[in-house]
């Protein structure tokens, strides 16, 4: 992140690639209860990466990058859930339902 903030485009691209891999499982776990598709997970991961990009200037280099990233991710997940409402409508065919 330090190199990325310093203008190193290669380091920034690598950082975003690495973060996308790290974020997918926590995002899937958090929104999986809503029977989220892989596309939903990927959209939210991309939204989180965009938020990280926009807020990167707020990261304090003396603190843990992981903690900061996960806080940004948590906030974007909450925002996403709020947009869906308390009781999102989920078509039954997206969930594993036994007949």
Protein backbone atom coordinates (compact mmCIF):
# COMPACT_ATOMS: atom_id res chain seq x y z
CA UNK A 1 0.00 0.00 0.00
CA UNK A 2 2.84 2.37 0.79
CA UNK A 3 4.32 1.84 -2.68
CA UNK A 4 0.89 2.18 -4.27
CA UNK A 5 0.18 5.44 -2.48
CA UNK A 6 3.64 6.58 -3.56
CA UNK A 7 2.58 6.20 -7.18
CA UNK A 8 3.88 2.73 -8.04
CA UNK A 9 1.21 1.50 -10.48
CA UNK A 10 2.53 -2.07 -10.56
CA UNK A 11 2.41 -2.30 -6.76
CA UNK A 12 -1.10 -0.84 -6.77
CA UNK A 13 -2.37 -3.32 -9.35
CA UNK A 14 -0.83 -6.19 -7.34
CA UNK A 15 -2.36 -4.86 -4.13
CA UNK A 16 -5.85 -4.75 -5.65
CA UNK A 17 -5.44 -8.25 -7.13
CA UNK A 18 -4.30 -9.63 -3.77
CA UNK A 19 -7.09 -7.86 -1.89
CA UNK A 20 -9.72 -9.21 -4.27
CA UNK A 21 -8.56 -12.75 -3.48
CA UNK A 22 -8.53 -12.07 0.26
CA UNK A 23 -11.98 -10.41 0.27
CA UNK A 24 -13.98 -12.99 -1.69
CA UNK A 25 -14.40 -15.55 1.11
CA UNK A 26 -15.40 -13.08 3.84
CA UNK A 27 -17.86 -11.41 1.45
CA UNK A 28 -19.29 -14.78 0.42
CA UNK A 29 -19.65 -15.73 4.10
CA UNK A 30 -21.39 -12.45 5.00
CA UNK A 31 -23.89 -12.35 2.14
CA UNK A 32 -24.14 -16.10 1.58
CA UNK A 33 -27.12 -16.33 3.91
CA UNK A 34 -29.02 -14.38 1.26
CA UNK A 35 -28.23 -17.09 -1.31
CA UNK A 36 -26.03 -14.62 -3.13
CA UNK A 37 -24.74 -15.63 -6.53
CA UNK A 38 -21.09 -15.53 -7.55
CA UNK A 39 -21.95 -12.37 -9.52
CA UNK A 40 -23.34 -10.74 -6.36
CA UNK A 41 -20.18 -11.59 -4.47
CA UNK A 42 -17.96 -10.29 -7.28
CA UNK A 43 -19.96 -7.05 -7.53
CA UNK A 44 -19.57 -6.44 -3.82
CA UNK A 45 -15.85 -7.24 -3.90
CA UNK A 46 -15.44 -4.72 -6.74
CA UNK A 47 -17.45 -2.16 -4.75
CA UNK A 48 -15.15 -2.71 -1.76
CA UNK A 49 -12.06 -2.31 -3.95
CA UNK A 50 -13.46 0.95 -5.31
CA UNK A 51 -14.10 2.17 -1.76
CA UNK A 52 -10.51 1.25 -0.84
CA UNK A 53 -9.29 3.18 -3.87
CA UNK A 54 -11.33 6.24 -2.91
CA UNK A 55 -10.36 6.10 0.77
CA UNK A 56 -6.73 5.00 0.48
CA UNK A 57 -5.56 8.43 1.63
CA UNK A 58 -7.23 7.77 5.02
CA UNK A 59 -5.09 4.72 5.81
CA UNK A 60 -2.60 5.43 8.58
CA UNK A 61 0.64 3.66 7.66
CA UNK A 62 1.39 3.13 11.35
CA UNK A 63 -1.66 0.86 11.66
CA UNK A 64 -2.54 -2.53 10.26
CA UNK A 65 -3.55 -2.46 6.60
CA UNK A 66 -5.60 -5.63 7.10
CA UNK A 67 -7.67 -4.06 9.88
CA UNK A 68 -8.29 -0.96 7.78
CA UNK A 69 -9.26 -3.00 4.70
CA UNK A 70 -11.63 -5.18 6.70
CA UNK A 71 -13.26 -2.10 8.27
CA UNK A 72 -13.87 -0.65 4.80
CA UNK A 73 -15.21 -4.04 3.65
CA UNK A 74 -17.51 -4.35 6.66
CA UNK A 75 -18.95 -0.88 6.01
CA UNK A 76 -19.58 -1.64 2.31
CA UNK A 77 -21.24 -4.96 3.19
CA UNK A 78 -23.52 -3.19 5.68
CA UNK A 79 -24.35 -0.52 3.08
CA UNK A 80 -25.16 -3.26 0.58
CA UNK A 81 -27.46 -5.04 3.03
CA UNK A 82 -29.22 -1.77 3.88
CA UNK A 83 -29.89 -1.10 0.19
CA UNK A 84 -31.57 -4.50 -0.02
CA UNK A 85 -33.75 -3.80 3.01
CA UNK A 86 -34.26 -5.90 6.09
CA UNK A 87 -36.14 -8.61 4.22
CA UNK A 88 -34.70 -8.95 0.74
CA UNK A 89 -36.75 -10.94 -1.73
CA UNK A 90 -34.81 -13.96 -2.88
CA UNK A 91 -36.22 -16.22 -5.58
CA UNK A 92 -36.39 -19.76 -4.19
CA UNK A 93 -34.57 -21.24 -7.17
CA UNK A 94 -31.39 -19.45 -6.05
CA UNK A 95 -31.35 -21.24 -2.71
CA UNK A 96 -30.77 -24.87 -1.94
CA UNK A 97 -34.30 -25.90 -1.11
CA UNK A 98 -35.39 -29.49 -0.64
CA UNK A 99 -38.81 -30.49 -2.02
